[in-house]
Amino acid sequence: MAIPLQKREYFECKYSNQLQPVSCIASFSNQGGVRPQYIQVTDTEGCKLVYQIIKVHRVQDHKNSDITFLCDIMEHDRVRMIELFFQRKIDQWFIKVR
């Protein structure tokens, strides 16, 4: 499955049928690096939930494409590992839904 972008461009990802767009607050370095800080997810009932990213375990930078982050968030009183994708071409964040 491809996520349509602009005219005839598509974001191809092997997980695309499991990706959900999310809002993200991130920090950017002067060298061009990016780190997610908080994400906002809309649940099935339409409620917006905000989670702080407390640790980034792995960053895979696929040059001129997307960046994959394996992160820990604090969900209530427990730590949960998530996978985030940042698509550079459209400046949009996605979370992998399991």
N, C-alpha and C. Protein backbone atom coordinates (compact mmCIF):
# COMPACT_ATOMS: atom_id res chain seq x y z
N MET A 1 0.84 -1.18 0.00
CA MET A 1 0.00 0.00 0.00
C MET A 1 0.88 1.23 0.00
N ALA A 2 0.48 2.24 -0.77
CA ALA A 2 1.22 3.48 -0.85
C ALA A 2 0.38 4.61 -0.29
N ILE A 3 1.02 5.53 0.36
CA ILE A 3 0.33 6.69 0.89
C ILE A 3 0.51 7.82 -0.11
N PRO A 4 -0.59 8.34 -0.70
CA PRO A 4 -0.44 9.38 -1.72
C PRO A 4 0.14 10.66 -1.14
N LEU A 5 1.00 11.28 -1.90
CA LEU A 5 1.58 12.56 -1.51
C LEU A 5 1.05 13.62 -2.45
N GLN A 6 1.93 14.23 -3.19
CA GLN A 6 1.52 15.19 -4.19
C GLN A 6 1.48 14.48 -5.53
N LYS A 7 1.25 15.20 -6.57
CA LYS A 7 1.06 14.66 -7.90
C LYS A 7 1.95 13.45 -8.20
N ARG A 8 1.35 12.27 -8.19
CA ARG A 8 1.98 11.01 -8.61
C ARG A 8 3.19 10.60 -7.79
N GLU A 9 3.35 11.15 -6.60
CA GLU A 9 4.43 10.71 -5.73
C GLU A 9 3.82 9.87 -4.62
N TYR A 10 4.53 8.84 -4.20
CA TYR A 10 4.02 7.97 -3.16
C TYR A 10 5.12 7.65 -2.17
N PHE A 11 4.74 7.56 -0.91
CA PHE A 11 5.65 7.13 0.14
C PHE A 11 5.50 5.62 0.24
N GLU A 12 6.48 4.90 -0.22
CA GLU A 12 6.43 3.43 -0.20
C GLU A 12 7.12 2.94 1.06
N CYS A 13 6.43 2.12 1.79
CA CYS A 13 6.99 1.57 3.02
C CYS A 13 6.45 0.17 3.21
N LYS A 14 7.28 -0.74 3.65
CA LYS A 14 6.82 -2.11 3.83
C LYS A 14 5.77 -2.21 4.93
N TYR A 15 5.66 -1.18 5.78
CA TYR A 15 4.67 -1.18 6.85
C TYR A 15 3.49 -0.27 6.55
N SER A 16 3.36 0.22 5.33
CA SER A 16 2.41 1.30 5.05
C SER A 16 0.98 0.98 5.45
N ASN A 17 0.57 -0.28 5.43
CA ASN A 17 -0.79 -0.60 5.85
C ASN A 17 -0.92 -0.58 7.37
N GLN A 18 0.18 -0.39 8.07
CA GLN A 18 0.17 -0.35 9.54
C GLN A 18 0.60 1.00 10.08
N LEU A 19 0.67 2.02 9.22
CA LEU A 19 1.14 3.33 9.66
C LEU A 19 -0.04 4.27 9.92
N GLN A 20 0.07 5.00 11.04
CA GLN A 20 -0.94 5.98 11.40
C GLN A 20 -0.25 7.33 11.52
N PRO A 21 -0.75 8.36 10.85
CA PRO A 21 -0.15 9.69 11.00
C PRO A 21 -0.29 10.18 12.44
N VAL A 22 0.74 10.84 12.95
CA VAL A 22 0.71 11.40 14.29
C VAL A 22 1.31 12.81 14.24
N SER A 23 0.95 13.61 15.23
CA SER A 23 1.60 14.90 15.41
C SER A 23 2.82 14.68 16.28
N CYS A 24 3.87 15.45 16.03
CA CYS A 24 5.11 15.25 16.78
C CYS A 24 5.78 16.58 17.03
N ILE A 25 6.29 16.74 18.23
CA ILE A 25 7.19 17.85 18.55
C ILE A 25 8.58 17.25 18.53
N ALA A 26 9.46 17.86 17.76
CA ALA A 26 10.82 17.32 17.60
C ALA A 26 11.83 18.45 17.75
N SER A 27 13.06 18.08 18.05
CA SER A 27 14.15 19.04 18.07
C SER A 27 15.05 18.76 16.88
N PHE A 28 15.64 19.82 16.35
CA PHE A 28 16.50 19.72 15.18
C PHE A 28 17.85 20.33 15.51
N SER A 29 18.92 19.65 15.09
CA SER A 29 20.26 20.18 15.33
C SER A 29 20.68 21.04 14.15
N ASN A 30 21.74 21.84 14.34
CA ASN A 30 22.24 22.66 13.24
C ASN A 30 22.97 21.82 12.19
N GLN A 31 23.21 20.54 12.48
CA GLN A 31 23.79 19.63 11.48
C GLN A 31 22.70 18.91 10.67
N GLY A 32 21.43 19.17 10.97
CA GLY A 32 20.34 18.56 10.22
C GLY A 32 19.71 17.36 10.87
N GLY A 33 20.16 16.99 12.06
CA GLY A 33 19.58 15.85 12.75
C GLY A 33 18.24 16.19 13.37
N VAL A 34 17.42 15.17 13.57
CA VAL A 34 16.09 15.37 14.14
C VAL A 34 15.87 14.33 15.24
N ARG A 35 15.24 14.74 16.34
CA ARG A 35 14.89 13.84 17.45
C ARG A 35 13.47 14.12 17.91
N PRO A 36 12.61 13.12 17.92
CA PRO A 36 11.26 13.32 18.43
C PRO A 36 11.28 13.53 19.94
N GLN A 37 10.40 14.41 20.43
CA GLN A 37 10.30 14.70 21.86
C GLN A 37 8.95 14.27 22.44
N TYR A 38 7.87 14.57 21.73
CA TYR A 38 6.51 14.22 22.13
C TYR A 38 5.72 13.81 20.89
N ILE A 39 4.77 12.91 21.08
CA ILE A 39 3.84 12.58 19.99
C ILE A 39 2.41 12.76 20.50
N GLN A 40 1.53 13.06 19.56
CA GLN A 40 0.11 13.16 19.87
C GLN A 40 -0.63 12.18 18.97
N VAL A 41 -1.37 11.27 19.58
CA VAL A 41 -2.09 10.22 18.86
C VAL A 41 -3.58 10.41 19.09
N THR A 42 -4.38 10.21 18.05
CA THR A 42 -5.83 10.24 18.19
C THR A 42 -6.33 8.82 18.31
N ASP A 43 -7.03 8.49 19.40
CA ASP A 43 -7.51 7.11 19.59
C ASP A 43 -8.78 6.87 18.79
N THR A 44 -9.33 5.68 18.89
CA THR A 44 -10.49 5.29 18.09
C THR A 44 -11.74 6.10 18.43
N GLU A 45 -11.77 6.70 19.60
CA GLU A 45 -12.92 7.51 20.01
C GLU A 45 -12.72 9.00 19.70
N GLY A 46 -11.60 9.33 19.08
CA GLY A 46 -11.33 10.71 18.71
C GLY A 46 -10.63 11.53 19.77
N CYS A 47 -10.25 10.91 20.87
CA CYS A 47 -9.52 11.62 21.93
C CYS A 47 -8.04 11.75 21.56
N LYS A 48 -7.47 12.91 21.84
CA LYS A 48 -6.06 13.14 21.55
C LYS A 48 -5.24 12.82 22.80
N LEU A 49 -4.24 11.96 22.64
CA LEU A 49 -3.38 11.54 23.74
C LEU A 49 -1.95 11.99 23.44
N VAL A 50 -1.28 12.57 24.44
CA VAL A 50 0.08 13.05 24.27
C VAL A 50 1.03 12.19 25.09
N TYR A 51 2.13 11.77 24.45
CA TYR A 51 3.13 10.94 25.12
C TYR A 51 4.51 11.57 24.97
N GLN A 52 5.28 11.55 26.04
CA GLN A 52 6.66 12.01 25.99
C GLN A 52 7.55 10.86 25.57
N ILE A 53 8.48 11.14 24.68
CA ILE A 53 9.47 10.14 24.29
C ILE A 53 10.61 10.25 25.29
N ILE A 54 10.81 9.17 26.04
CA ILE A 54 11.79 9.25 27.12
C ILE A 54 13.16 8.70 26.72
N LYS A 55 13.20 7.90 25.64
CA LYS A 55 14.49 7.38 25.18
C LYS A 55 14.38 6.99 23.71
N VAL A 56 15.44 7.28 22.95
CA VAL A 56 15.54 6.83 21.56
C VAL A 56 16.60 5.75 21.53
N HIS A 57 16.20 4.53 21.17
CA HIS A 57 17.13 3.40 21.14
C HIS A 57 17.92 3.33 19.85
N ARG A 58 17.23 3.58 18.74
CA ARG A 58 17.88 3.39 17.43
C ARG A 58 17.32 4.41 16.44
N VAL A 59 18.21 4.92 15.60
CA VAL A 59 17.82 5.83 14.53
C VAL A 59 18.39 5.26 13.24
N GLN A 60 17.52 5.04 12.26
CA GLN A 60 17.96 4.59 10.94
C GLN A 60 17.63 5.70 9.96
N ASP A 61 18.66 6.35 9.44
CA ASP A 61 18.47 7.47 8.51
C ASP A 61 18.64 6.94 7.10
N HIS A 62 17.54 6.86 6.38
CA HIS A 62 17.55 6.42 4.98
C HIS A 62 17.65 7.69 4.14
N LYS A 63 18.85 8.06 3.78
CA LYS A 63 19.13 9.34 3.13
C LYS A 63 18.11 9.66 2.04
N ASN A 64 17.67 10.92 2.03
CA ASN A 64 16.70 11.44 1.06
C ASN A 64 15.37 10.70 1.08
N SER A 65 15.05 10.05 2.15
CA SER A 65 13.79 9.32 2.25
C SER A 65 13.23 9.53 3.64
N ASP A 66 13.10 8.45 4.39
CA ASP A 66 12.53 8.56 5.72
C ASP A 66 13.57 8.26 6.79
N ILE A 67 13.20 8.56 8.03
CA ILE A 67 14.04 8.23 9.19
C ILE A 67 13.18 7.38 10.10
N THR A 68 13.73 6.28 10.58
CA THR A 68 13.03 5.39 11.48
C THR A 68 13.62 5.52 12.88
N PHE A 69 12.74 5.66 13.87
CA PHE A 69 13.15 5.79 15.27
C PHE A 69 12.52 4.66 16.07
N LEU A 70 13.31 3.98 16.87
CA LEU A 70 12.80 3.02 17.85
C LEU A 70 12.90 3.71 19.20
N CYS A 71 11.76 3.98 19.82
CA CYS A 71 11.70 4.84 21.01
C CYS A 71 10.91 4.22 22.14
N ASP A 72 11.16 4.73 23.34
CA ASP A 72 10.33 4.41 24.50
C ASP A 72 9.47 5.62 24.82
N ILE A 73 8.19 5.36 25.12
CA ILE A 73 7.30 6.40 25.62
C ILE A 73 6.78 5.97 26.99
N MET A 74 6.34 6.93 27.75
CA MET A 74 5.72 6.63 29.04
C MET A 74 4.22 6.63 28.82
N GLU A 75 3.61 5.47 28.98
CA GLU A 75 2.17 5.33 28.82
C GLU A 75 1.60 4.99 30.19
N HIS A 76 0.94 5.98 30.79
CA HIS A 76 0.46 5.87 32.17
C HIS A 76 1.67 5.63 33.08
N ASP A 77 1.80 4.48 33.71
CA ASP A 77 2.93 4.23 34.60
C ASP A 77 3.88 3.18 34.06
N ARG A 78 3.84 2.93 32.76
CA ARG A 78 4.73 1.91 32.21
C ARG A 78 5.41 2.43 30.94
N VAL A 79 6.56 1.86 30.66
CA VAL A 79 7.32 2.22 29.47
C VAL A 79 6.89 1.31 28.32
N ARG A 80 6.65 1.91 27.17
CA ARG A 80 6.22 1.16 25.99
C ARG A 80 7.13 1.53 24.82
N MET A 81 7.58 0.53 24.05
CA MET A 81 8.44 0.78 22.90
C MET A 81 7.57 0.99 21.66
N ILE A 82 7.91 2.02 20.87
CA ILE A 82 7.19 2.31 19.64
C ILE A 82 8.16 2.50 18.49
N GLU A 83 7.65 2.46 17.28
CA GLU A 83 8.44 2.71 16.09
C GLU A 83 7.83 3.90 15.36
N LEU A 84 8.63 4.96 15.18
CA LEU A 84 8.20 6.17 14.51
C LEU A 84 8.91 6.30 13.18
N PHE A 85 8.22 6.90 12.22
CA PHE A 85 8.80 7.19 10.90
C PHE A 85 8.60 8.66 10.61
N PHE A 86 9.68 9.33 10.16
CA PHE A 86 9.59 10.71 9.71
C PHE A 86 9.83 10.72 8.22
N GLN A 87 8.85 11.17 7.45
CA GLN A 87 8.96 11.22 6.00
C GLN A 87 9.39 12.63 5.61
N ARG A 88 10.64 12.75 5.18
CA ARG A 88 11.23 14.06 4.88
C ARG A 88 10.50 14.81 3.77
N LYS A 89 10.11 14.10 2.72
CA LYS A 89 9.54 14.78 1.55
C LYS A 89 8.24 15.50 1.88
N ILE A 90 7.50 15.02 2.84
CA ILE A 90 6.22 15.65 3.18
C ILE A 90 6.21 16.19 4.60
N ASP A 91 7.34 16.10 5.31
CA ASP A 91 7.44 16.57 6.69
C ASP A 91 6.30 16.03 7.55
N GLN A 92 6.12 14.71 7.51
CA GLN A 92 5.04 14.10 8.28
C GLN A 92 5.57 12.92 9.08
N TRP A 93 4.99 12.73 10.27
CA TRP A 93 5.34 11.65 11.18
C TRP A 93 4.28 10.57 11.14
N PHE A 94 4.75 9.32 11.30
CA PHE A 94 3.85 8.16 11.34
C PHE A 94 4.29 7.26 12.48
N ILE A 95 3.35 6.56 13.07
CA ILE A 95 3.66 5.54 14.07
C ILE A 95 3.23 4.19 13.50
N LYS A 96 4.04 3.19 13.77
CA LYS A 96 3.68 1.84 13.33
C LYS A 96 2.66 1.27 14.31
N VAL A 97 1.53 0.85 13.79
CA VAL A 97 0.46 0.26 14.60
C VAL A 97 0.60 -1.23 14.53
N ARG A 98 0.68 -1.86 15.69
CA ARG A 98 0.87 -3.32 15.73
C ARG A 98 -0.42 -4.03 15.90
